[in-house]
Amino acid sequence: MAGVLERALAVMEYLSDKPEGEPLGAIAERLDLPQSAAHRVVTELCRCGYVRQVREHGAYALTARVASIGLSYLAATGIVDIAQPLIERLAEISGELVRLAIVDDGRLTWVAKVQGARHGLRYDPDIGAEARLSCSASGHAWMLTMTDEQALDLVARQGFGAPEDYGPNAPTTIAQLIDILHAGRQRGYAMINEVFAPGMTAMAAPVQRQPEPAIGVLSIAGPAMRLTEARMLALGPELLAAAEELALASLASPMFRKRFPMQGRNDQAA
C-alpha cells in the first residue's frame, strides 16, 4: 500500500495539468484510492498550502506555491538563463517552437521554451511535463546517447505511450523503437513524424559533453505541413551547433559543475 507521502506526490502530479481543478471523486478514481484516503491527502495538502479548493465547484487545484518551488530551483541552477539566448536564436532561425529539457534522476523534463512561429498554427505544449521517452523527439534524443539496453530499461520503467494518446506513428514495440534510435544515431539527432501528436513533427539533439552523460536535450517542433522532413534535415546542423554550444555553456551552471566537477577543472586547466 502506498504511503502518505507517495499518495500526496501522486495527487500533485495528477493535478499538475488540471489548472481548473478536479473533483475529489475523480482524483480518487484516477489514483485508485478510497475516497476517504484521497480526502485526507488533499486536506493535508490544502493545510500545507500546496492545494486549494476551487470554491465555485468544490474541485481541488494546485496553488502557485508548487510552481514557485520549481522556478526557484531552476533559477538557482542558472541553466535556463544560460540557455535562453541559444533557445531564442534557434527559434528565430527555425520559426518553430524550441524547447529545453533537462535530465535529472532518470527523468527528462521540459523547463524552457521559445515560440518562433509568428503566424499560422502554433504548437505550444505545457512546460514542466515529463517527456514520454518512447513517443517524443526529446526522449529519443536522450536515448541516442545510451546503449540500446540502457534505453529500453528506461522505457520499460515508464512504459510505451499508446497511439491514441500520442500520434498514429508512436512506436509500440521494442523493435520499432530500436529502429528509430539506430536511425537517429546515424544522423546525430532524433526526428519524428506524427509520433508525439497527430499532424506534428519534431527533432531533437542531446546536450552532452563526451564522455559525460547527456545533461539535457534541445528540440524543435511544429506542424508537419511546415516542419517537413526536408526542413528538419536542413535545420540539423543548426540544432547540433546549438546543443554543442549549450553543453559548453552549461559549465557555468552550479547544477552541472557539481555533477561533473572533474570536467570543469579539466576545462579550466586547458
C-alpha atoms as a PDB file:
ATOM      1  CA  MET A   1       0.000   0.000   0.000  1.00  0.00           C
ATOM      2  CA  ALA A   2       1.354   3.430  -0.924  1.00  0.00           C
ATOM      3  CA  GLY A   3       2.497   5.640   1.919  1.00  0.00           C
ATOM      4  CA  VAL A   4       1.056   9.072   2.692  1.00  0.00           C
ATOM      5  CA  LEU A   5       3.945  10.918   1.046  1.00  0.00           C
ATOM      6  CA  GLU A   6       3.700   8.817  -2.107  1.00  0.00           C
ATOM      7  CA  ARG A   7      -0.040   9.461  -2.281  1.00  0.00           C
ATOM      8  CA  ALA A   8       0.443  13.191  -1.780  1.00  0.00           C
ATOM      9  CA  LEU A   9       3.008  13.366  -4.577  1.00  0.00           C
ATOM     10  CA  ALA A  10       0.743  11.330  -6.849  1.00  0.00           C
ATOM     11  CA  VAL A  11      -2.107  13.786  -6.227  1.00  0.00           C
ATOM     12  CA  MET A  12       0.157  16.755  -7.007  1.00  0.00           C
ATOM     13  CA  GLU A  13       1.439  15.158 -10.209  1.00  0.00           C
ATOM     14  CA  TYR A  14      -2.104  14.348 -11.299  1.00  0.00           C
ATOM     15  CA  LEU A  15      -3.270  17.919 -10.667  1.00  0.00           C
ATOM     16  CA  SER A  16      -0.265  19.423 -12.455  1.00  0.00           C
ATOM     17  CA  ASP A  17      -2.109  19.574 -15.796  1.00  0.00           C
ATOM     18  CA  LYS A  18      -5.546  20.310 -14.318  1.00  0.00           C
ATOM     19  CA  PRO A  19      -5.487  24.100 -13.752  1.00  0.00           C
ATOM     20  CA  GLU A  20      -9.261  24.234 -13.343  1.00  0.00           C
ATOM     21  CA  GLY A  21      -9.078  21.586 -10.642  1.00  0.00           C
ATOM     22  CA  GLU A  22     -10.530  18.104 -10.303  1.00  0.00           C
ATOM     23  CA  PRO A  23     -13.351  16.804  -8.072  1.00  0.00           C
ATOM     24  CA  LEU A  24     -12.341  14.581  -5.192  1.00  0.00           C
ATOM     25  CA  GLY A  25     -14.090  11.594  -6.771  1.00  0.00           C
ATOM     26  CA  ALA A  26     -12.096  11.933  -9.986  1.00  0.00           C
ATOM     27  CA  ILE A  27      -8.830  12.156  -8.048  1.00  0.00           C
ATOM     28  CA  ALA A  28      -9.682   9.053  -6.041  1.00  0.00           C
ATOM     29  CA  GLU A  29     -10.716   7.097  -9.140  1.00  0.00           C
ATOM     30  CA  ARG A  30      -7.695   8.096 -11.229  1.00  0.00           C
ATOM     31  CA  LEU A  31      -5.213   7.225  -8.465  1.00  0.00           C
ATOM     32  CA  ASP A  32      -7.114   4.127  -7.359  1.00  0.00           C
ATOM     33  CA  LEU A  33      -7.585   5.436  -3.812  1.00  0.00           C
ATOM     34  CA  PRO A  34     -10.513   5.080  -1.426  1.00  0.00           C
ATOM     35  CA  GLN A  35     -12.369   8.383  -1.391  1.00  0.00           C
ATOM     36  CA  SER A  36     -11.716   8.759   2.341  1.00  0.00           C
ATOM     37  CA  ALA A  37      -7.962   8.359   1.794  1.00  0.00           C
ATOM     38  CA  ALA A  38      -7.994  10.835  -1.099  1.00  0.00           C
ATOM     39  CA  HIS A  39      -9.860  13.321   1.094  1.00  0.00           C
ATOM     40  CA  ARG A  40      -7.252  13.026   3.858  1.00  0.00           C
ATOM     41  CA  VAL A  41      -4.431  13.618   1.387  1.00  0.00           C
ATOM     42  CA  VAL A  42      -5.942  16.686  -0.287  1.00  0.00           C
ATOM     43  CA  THR A  43      -6.972  18.112   3.085  1.00  0.00           C
ATOM     44  CA  GLU A  44      -3.374  17.876   4.292  1.00  0.00           C
ATOM     45  CA  LEU A  45      -2.067  19.380   1.043  1.00  0.00           C
ATOM     46  CA  CYS A  46      -4.526  22.244   1.458  1.00  0.00           C
ATOM     47  CA  ARG A  47      -3.336  22.788   5.014  1.00  0.00           C
ATOM     48  CA  CYS A  48       0.267  22.970   3.809  1.00  0.00           C
ATOM     49  CA  GLY A  49      -0.600  25.430   1.040  1.00  0.00           C
ATOM     50  CA  TYR A  50       0.094  23.232  -1.989  1.00  0.00           C
ATOM     51  CA  VAL A  51      -3.522  22.603  -2.984  1.00  0.00           C
ATOM     52  CA  ARG A  52      -6.599  24.814  -2.778  1.00  0.00           C
ATOM     53  CA  GLN A  53     -10.280  24.088  -3.106  1.00  0.00           C
ATOM     54  CA  VAL A  54     -11.976  25.874  -6.000  1.00  0.00           C
ATOM     55  CA  ARG A  55     -14.993  27.399  -4.339  1.00  0.00           C
ATOM     56  CA  GLU A  56     -17.156  27.589  -7.473  1.00  0.00           C
ATOM     57  CA  HIS A  57     -17.422  23.814  -7.924  1.00  0.00           C
ATOM     58  CA  GLY A  58     -15.593  22.253  -4.998  1.00  0.00           C
ATOM     59  CA  ALA A  59     -12.755  20.836  -7.079  1.00  0.00           C
ATOM     60  CA  TYR A  60      -9.134  20.796  -5.941  1.00  0.00           C
ATOM     61  CA  ALA A  61      -6.276  22.529  -7.776  1.00  0.00           C
ATOM     62  CA  LEU A  62      -2.591  23.180  -7.188  1.00  0.00           C
ATOM     63  CA  THR A  63      -1.520  26.541  -5.833  1.00  0.00           C
ATOM     64  CA  ALA A  64       1.251  28.771  -7.197  1.00  0.00           C
ATOM     65  CA  ARG A  65       3.442  27.600  -4.326  1.00  0.00           C
ATOM     66  CA  VAL A  66       4.202  24.420  -6.242  1.00  0.00           C
ATOM     67  CA  ALA A  67       5.359  26.372  -9.292  1.00  0.00           C
ATOM     68  CA  SER A  68       7.437  28.712  -7.143  1.00  0.00           C
ATOM     69  CA  ILE A  69       9.471  25.789  -5.832  1.00  0.00           C
ATOM     70  CA  GLY A  70      10.337  24.627  -9.335  1.00  0.00           C
ATOM     71  CA  LEU A  71      11.091  28.147 -10.536  1.00  0.00           C
ATOM     72  CA  SER A  72      13.317  28.832  -7.539  1.00  0.00           C
ATOM     73  CA  TYR A  73      15.213  25.617  -8.183  1.00  0.00           C
ATOM     74  CA  LEU A  74      15.737  26.414 -11.870  1.00  0.00           C
ATOM     75  CA  ALA A  75      16.815  29.964 -11.032  1.00  0.00           C
ATOM     76  CA  ALA A  76      19.399  28.623  -8.596  1.00  0.00           C
ATOM     77  CA  THR A  77      20.848  26.255 -11.217  1.00  0.00           C
ATOM     78  CA  GLY A  78      21.190  29.077 -13.724  1.00  0.00           C
ATOM     79  CA  ILE A  79      20.617  26.671 -16.611  1.00  0.00           C
ATOM     80  CA  VAL A  80      17.565  28.449 -18.058  1.00  0.00           C
ATOM     81  CA  ASP A  81      19.327  31.834 -18.029  1.00  0.00           C
ATOM     82  CA  ILE A  82      22.323  30.250 -19.739  1.00  0.00           C
ATOM     83  CA  ALA A  83      20.177  28.524 -22.345  1.00  0.00           C
ATOM     84  CA  GLN A  84      17.747  31.356 -23.102  1.00  0.00           C
ATOM     85  CA  PRO A  85      19.806  33.192 -25.758  1.00  0.00           C
ATOM     86  CA  LEU A  86      20.546  29.926 -27.555  1.00  0.00           C
ATOM     87  CA  ILE A  87      16.885  28.873 -27.482  1.00  0.00           C
ATOM     88  CA  GLU A  88      15.789  32.269 -28.779  1.00  0.00           C
ATOM     89  CA  ARG A  89      18.314  32.143 -31.619  1.00  0.00           C
ATOM     90  CA  LEU A  90      17.245  28.656 -32.649  1.00  0.00           C
ATOM     91  CA  ALA A  91      13.564  29.670 -32.524  1.00  0.00           C
ATOM     92  CA  GLU A  92      14.282  32.652 -34.767  1.00  0.00           C
ATOM     93  CA  ILE A  93      16.205  30.511 -37.270  1.00  0.00           C
ATOM     94  CA  SER A  94      13.636  27.714 -37.361  1.00  0.00           C
ATOM     95  CA  GLY A  95      10.471  29.756 -36.962  1.00  0.00           C
ATOM     96  CA  GLU A  96       9.143  26.969 -34.732  1.00  0.00           C
ATOM     97  CA  LEU A  97       8.793  26.028 -31.078  1.00  0.00           C
ATOM     98  CA  VAL A  98      12.154  25.342 -29.417  1.00  0.00           C
ATOM     99  CA  ARG A  99      12.314  23.667 -26.017  1.00  0.00           C
ATOM    100  CA  LEU A 100      14.958  22.698 -23.498  1.00  0.00           C
ATOM    101  CA  ALA A 101      14.551  19.595 -21.362  1.00  0.00           C
ATOM    102  CA  ILE A 102      16.928  18.659 -18.567  1.00  0.00           C
ATOM    103  CA  VAL A 103      17.909  15.230 -17.317  1.00  0.00           C
ATOM    104  CA  ASP A 104      17.521  14.700 -13.605  1.00  0.00           C
ATOM    105  CA  ASP A 105      17.200  11.476 -11.621  1.00  0.00           C
ATOM    106  CA  GLY A 106      16.366   9.318 -14.620  1.00  0.00           C
ATOM    107  CA  ARG A 107      13.733  11.682 -15.966  1.00  0.00           C
ATOM    108  CA  LEU A 108      13.563  14.207 -18.783  1.00  0.00           C
ATOM    109  CA  THR A 109      11.564  17.347 -18.022  1.00  0.00           C
ATOM    110  CA  TRP A 110      10.880  20.353 -20.263  1.00  0.00           C
ATOM    111  CA  VAL A 111      11.921  23.520 -18.446  1.00  0.00           C
ATOM    112  CA  ALA A 112      12.111  26.316 -21.040  1.00  0.00           C
ATOM    113  CA  LYS A 113      10.666  27.208 -24.426  1.00  0.00           C
ATOM    114  CA  VAL A 114      10.577  29.941 -27.053  1.00  0.00           C
ATOM    115  CA  GLN A 115       7.913  30.100 -29.774  1.00  0.00           C
ATOM    116  CA  GLY A 116       9.437  31.073 -33.119  1.00  0.00           C
ATOM    117  CA  ALA A 117       6.227  30.935 -35.163  1.00  0.00           C
ATOM    118  CA  ARG A 118       4.864  34.405 -35.835  1.00  0.00           C
ATOM    119  CA  HIS A 119       1.858  33.409 -37.918  1.00  0.00           C
ATOM    120  CA  GLY A 120      -0.279  30.360 -38.617  1.00  0.00           C
ATOM    121  CA  LEU A 121      -0.580  27.256 -36.472  1.00  0.00           C
ATOM    122  CA  ARG A 122       1.460  27.270 -33.271  1.00  0.00           C
ATOM    123  CA  TYR A 123       2.409  24.172 -31.375  1.00  0.00           C
ATOM    124  CA  ASP A 124       2.840  25.005 -27.711  1.00  0.00           C
ATOM    125  CA  PRO A 125       2.562  22.155 -25.150  1.00  0.00           C
ATOM    126  CA  ASP A 126       2.916  22.755 -21.449  1.00  0.00           C
ATOM    127  CA  ILE A 127       6.300  23.276 -19.839  1.00  0.00           C
ATOM    128  CA  GLY A 128       7.107  21.270 -16.724  1.00  0.00           C
ATOM    129  CA  ALA A 129       5.811  17.994 -18.096  1.00  0.00           C
ATOM    130  CA  GLU A 130       7.927  14.864 -18.055  1.00  0.00           C
ATOM    131  CA  ALA A 131       8.738  13.628 -21.549  1.00  0.00           C
ATOM    132  CA  ARG A 132       7.326  10.285 -22.631  1.00  0.00           C
ATOM    133  CA  LEU A 133      10.588   8.744 -23.806  1.00  0.00           C
ATOM    134  CA  SER A 134       9.142   6.361 -26.388  1.00  0.00           C
ATOM    135  CA  CYS A 135       6.939   8.993 -28.049  1.00  0.00           C
ATOM    136  CA  SER A 136       8.921  12.241 -28.068  1.00  0.00           C
ATOM    137  CA  ALA A 137      11.846  13.529 -30.094  1.00  0.00           C
ATOM    138  CA  SER A 138      13.377  14.738 -26.821  1.00  0.00           C
ATOM    139  CA  GLY A 139      13.124  11.267 -25.311  1.00  0.00           C
ATOM    140  CA  HIS A 140      14.616   9.698 -28.417  1.00  0.00           C
ATOM    141  CA  ALA A 141      17.486  12.210 -28.459  1.00  0.00           C
ATOM    142  CA  TRP A 142      18.381  11.420 -24.858  1.00  0.00           C
ATOM    143  CA  MET A 143      18.313   7.696 -25.587  1.00  0.00           C
ATOM    144  CA  LEU A 144      20.657   8.172 -28.565  1.00  0.00           C
ATOM    145  CA  THR A 145      23.430   8.716 -26.003  1.00  0.00           C
ATOM    146  CA  MET A 146      22.822   5.320 -24.365  1.00  0.00           C
ATOM    147  CA  THR A 147      23.164   1.696 -25.319  1.00  0.00           C
ATOM    148  CA  ASP A 148      20.008   0.008 -26.563  1.00  0.00           C
ATOM    149  CA  GLU A 149      19.835  -1.898 -23.275  1.00  0.00           C
ATOM    150  CA  GLN A 150      20.005   1.280 -21.168  1.00  0.00           C
ATOM    151  CA  ALA A 151      17.376   2.991 -23.305  1.00  0.00           C
ATOM    152  CA  LEU A 152      14.993   0.052 -23.147  1.00  0.00           C
ATOM    153  CA  ASP A 153      15.408  -0.151 -19.380  1.00  0.00           C
ATOM    154  CA  LEU A 154      14.203   3.455 -19.019  1.00  0.00           C
ATOM    155  CA  VAL A 155      11.296   2.883 -21.400  1.00  0.00           C
ATOM    156  CA  ALA A 156      10.325  -0.306 -19.576  1.00  0.00           C
ATOM    157  CA  ARG A 157      10.091   1.635 -16.314  1.00  0.00           C
ATOM    158  CA  GLN A 158       7.999   4.407 -17.855  1.00  0.00           C
ATOM    159  CA  GLY A 159       6.048   2.313 -20.339  1.00  0.00           C
ATOM    160  CA  PHE A 160       5.260   2.776 -24.021  1.00  0.00           C
ATOM    161  CA  GLY A 161       2.859   5.538 -24.909  1.00  0.00           C
ATOM    162  CA  ALA A 162      -0.342   4.450 -26.643  1.00  0.00           C
ATOM    163  CA  PRO A 163      -1.024   5.818 -30.165  1.00  0.00           C
ATOM    164  CA  GLU A 164      -4.469   7.001 -29.073  1.00  0.00           C
ATOM    165  CA  ASP A 165      -2.769   9.237 -26.502  1.00  0.00           C
ATOM    166  CA  TYR A 166       0.043  10.389 -28.814  1.00  0.00           C
ATOM    167  CA  GLY A 167       0.432  10.196 -32.594  1.00  0.00           C
ATOM    168  CA  PRO A 168      -0.504   7.413 -35.021  1.00  0.00           C
ATOM    169  CA  ASN A 169       3.194   6.592 -35.584  1.00  0.00           C
ATOM    170  CA  ALA A 170       4.057   6.202 -31.893  1.00  0.00           C
ATOM    171  CA  PRO A 171       6.227   3.073 -31.520  1.00  0.00           C
ATOM    172  CA  THR A 172       4.594   0.319 -29.534  1.00  0.00           C
ATOM    173  CA  THR A 173       7.224  -2.409 -29.765  1.00  0.00           C
ATOM    174  CA  ILE A 174      10.887  -2.732 -28.851  1.00  0.00           C
ATOM    175  CA  ALA A 175      11.825  -3.430 -32.483  1.00  0.00           C
ATOM    176  CA  GLN A 176      10.135  -0.239 -33.707  1.00  0.00           C
ATOM    177  CA  LEU A 177      11.841   1.877 -31.061  1.00  0.00           C
ATOM    178  CA  ILE A 178      15.259   0.342 -31.716  1.00  0.00           C
ATOM    179  CA  ASP A 179      14.936   1.092 -35.449  1.00  0.00           C
ATOM    180  CA  ILE A 180      14.124   4.721 -34.645  1.00  0.00           C
ATOM    181  CA  LEU A 181      17.103   5.037 -32.294  1.00  0.00           C
ATOM    182  CA  HIS A 182      19.534   3.470 -34.774  1.00  0.00           C
ATOM    183  CA  ALA A 183      18.436   5.916 -37.494  1.00  0.00           C
ATOM    184  CA  GLY A 184      18.821   8.820 -35.063  1.00  0.00           C
ATOM    185  CA  ARG A 185      22.342   7.786 -34.071  1.00  0.00           C
ATOM    186  CA  GLN A 186      23.399   7.842 -37.717  1.00  0.00           C
ATOM    187  CA  ARG A 187      22.106  11.422 -38.097  1.00  0.00           C
ATOM    188  CA  GLY A 188      23.271  12.592 -34.699  1.00  0.00           C
ATOM    189  CA  TYR A 189      19.784  13.788 -33.736  1.00  0.00           C
ATOM    190  CA  ALA A 190      16.246  12.435 -33.444  1.00  0.00           C
ATOM    191  CA  MET A 191      13.413  13.086 -35.900  1.00  0.00           C
ATOM    192  CA  ILE A 192       9.759  12.094 -35.525  1.00  0.00           C
ATOM    193  CA  ASN A 193       6.664  12.480 -37.666  1.00  0.00           C
ATOM    194  CA  GLU A 194       3.225  12.182 -36.019  1.00  0.00           C
ATOM    195  CA  VAL A 195       4.713  10.326 -33.075  1.00  0.00           C
ATOM    196  CA  PHE A 196       4.181  12.778 -30.211  1.00  0.00           C
ATOM    197  CA  ALA A 197       0.962  14.226 -31.637  1.00  0.00           C
ATOM    198  CA  PRO A 198      -1.111  13.866 -34.828  1.00  0.00           C
ATOM    199  CA  GLY A 199      -0.047  16.260 -37.575  1.00  0.00           C
ATOM    200  CA  MET A 200       3.105  17.327 -35.728  1.00  0.00           C
ATOM    201  CA  THR A 201       6.801  16.721 -36.353  1.00  0.00           C
ATOM    202  CA  ALA A 202       9.838  17.328 -34.160  1.00  0.00           C
ATOM    203  CA  MET A 203      13.589  16.957 -33.992  1.00  0.00           C
ATOM    204  CA  ALA A 204      15.924  16.962 -31.002  1.00  0.00           C
ATOM    205  CA  ALA A 205      19.613  16.732 -30.138  1.00  0.00           C
ATOM    206  CA  PRO A 206      21.258  15.783 -26.833  1.00  0.00           C
ATOM    207  CA  VAL A 207      23.177  18.370 -24.826  1.00  0.00           C
ATOM    208  CA  GLN A 208      26.262  16.383 -23.948  1.00  0.00           C
ATOM    209  CA  ARG A 209      29.991  16.739 -23.415  1.00  0.00           C
ATOM    210  CA  GLN A 210      31.737  13.471 -24.060  1.00  0.00           C
ATOM    211  CA  PRO A 211      32.467  11.272 -22.183  1.00  0.00           C
ATOM    212  CA  GLU A 212      29.931  12.565 -19.634  1.00  0.00           C
ATOM    213  CA  PRO A 213      26.227  11.619 -19.810  1.00  0.00           C
ATOM    214  CA  ALA A 214      23.777  13.963 -21.501  1.00  0.00           C
ATOM    215  CA  ILE A 215      22.557  16.778 -19.268  1.00  0.00           C
ATOM    216  CA  GLY A 216      19.602  17.798 -21.408  1.00  0.00           C
ATOM    217  CA  VAL A 217      18.006  17.966 -24.836  1.00  0.00           C
ATOM    218  CA  LEU A 218      17.209  20.766 -27.286  1.00  0.00           C
ATOM    219  CA  SER A 219      14.206  20.236 -29.556  1.00  0.00           C
ATOM    220  CA  ILE A 220      12.369  21.927 -32.415  1.00  0.00           C
ATOM    221  CA  ALA A 221       8.704  21.094 -33.024  1.00  0.00           C
ATOM    222  CA  GLY A 222       5.996  22.280 -35.375  1.00  0.00           C
ATOM    223  CA  PRO A 223       3.203  21.325 -37.794  1.00  0.00           C
ATOM    224  CA  ALA A 224       4.133  18.616 -40.289  1.00  0.00           C
ATOM    225  CA  MET A 225       2.927  20.778 -43.176  1.00  0.00           C
ATOM    226  CA  ARG A 226       5.582  23.373 -42.275  1.00  0.00           C
ATOM    227  CA  LEU A 227       8.305  21.438 -40.468  1.00  0.00           C
ATOM    228  CA  THR A 228       8.773  18.847 -43.188  1.00  0.00           C
ATOM    229  CA  GLU A 229      11.442  16.144 -43.289  1.00  0.00           C
ATOM    230  CA  ALA A 230      13.470  18.247 -45.741  1.00  0.00           C
ATOM    231  CA  ARG A 231      13.180  21.273 -43.464  1.00  0.00           C
ATOM    232  CA  MET A 232      14.294  19.244 -40.438  1.00  0.00           C
ATOM    233  CA  LEU A 233      17.317  17.887 -42.310  1.00  0.00           C
ATOM    234  CA  ALA A 234      18.232  21.455 -43.292  1.00  0.00           C
ATOM    235  CA  LEU A 235      17.941  22.568 -39.655  1.00  0.00           C
ATOM    236  CA  GLY A 236      20.035  19.651 -38.383  1.00  0.00           C
ATOM    237  CA  PRO A 237      23.394  21.490 -38.384  1.00  0.00           C
ATOM    238  CA  GLU A 238      21.899  24.493 -36.557  1.00  0.00           C
ATOM    239  CA  LEU A 239      20.333  22.240 -33.910  1.00  0.00           C
ATOM    240  CA  LEU A 240      23.552  20.310 -33.357  1.00  0.00           C
ATOM    241  CA  ALA A 241      25.600  23.511 -33.120  1.00  0.00           C
ATOM    242  CA  ALA A 242      23.210  24.992 -30.538  1.00  0.00           C
ATOM    243  CA  ALA A 243      23.259  21.789 -28.473  1.00  0.00           C
ATOM    244  CA  GLU A 244      27.061  21.730 -28.528  1.00  0.00           C
ATOM    245  CA  GLU A 245      27.264  25.383 -27.535  1.00  0.00           C
ATOM    246  CA  LEU A 246      24.849  24.817 -24.665  1.00  0.00           C
ATOM    247  CA  ALA A 247      26.882  21.837 -23.477  1.00  0.00           C
ATOM    248  CA  LEU A 248      29.944  24.095 -23.258  1.00  0.00           C
ATOM    249  CA  ALA A 249      27.996  26.913 -21.580  1.00  0.00           C
ATOM    250  CA  SER A 250      26.492  24.536 -19.008  1.00  0.00           C
ATOM    251  CA  LEU A 251      29.770  24.561 -17.077  1.00  0.00           C
ATOM    252  CA  ALA A 252      28.652  27.942 -15.738  1.00  0.00           C
ATOM    253  CA  SER A 253      25.668  26.297 -14.036  1.00  0.00           C
ATOM    254  CA  PRO A 254      26.162  25.294 -10.383  1.00  0.00           C
ATOM    255  CA  MET A 255      23.993  22.223 -11.007  1.00  0.00           C
ATOM    256  CA  PHE A 256      26.280  20.775 -13.637  1.00  0.00           C
ATOM    257  CA  ARG A 257      29.546  21.895 -12.037  1.00  0.00           C
ATOM    258  CA  LYS A 258      28.615  19.778  -9.025  1.00  0.00           C
ATOM    259  CA  ARG A 259      27.513  16.892 -11.205  1.00  0.00           C
ATOM    260  CA  PHE A 260      30.716  16.852 -13.288  1.00  0.00           C
ATOM    261  CA  PRO A 261      33.444  18.512 -11.134  1.00  0.00           C
ATOM    262  CA  MET A 262      36.370  16.900 -12.942  1.00  0.00           C
ATOM    263  CA  GLN A 263      35.085  18.105 -16.300  1.00  0.00           C
ATOM    264  CA  GLY A 264      35.057  21.721 -15.114  1.00  0.00           C
ATOM    265  CA  ARG A 265      38.582  21.516 -13.678  1.00  0.00           C
ATOM    266  CA  ASN A 266      39.950  19.910 -16.808  1.00  0.00           C
ATOM    267  CA  ASP A 267      38.454  22.631 -18.995  1.00  0.00           C
ATOM    268  CA  GLN A 268      39.861  25.378 -16.803  1.00  0.00           C
ATOM    269  CA  ALA A 269      43.293  23.786 -16.958  1.00  0.00           C
ATOM    270  CA  ALA A 270      43.099  23.657 -20.727  1.00  0.00           C
END
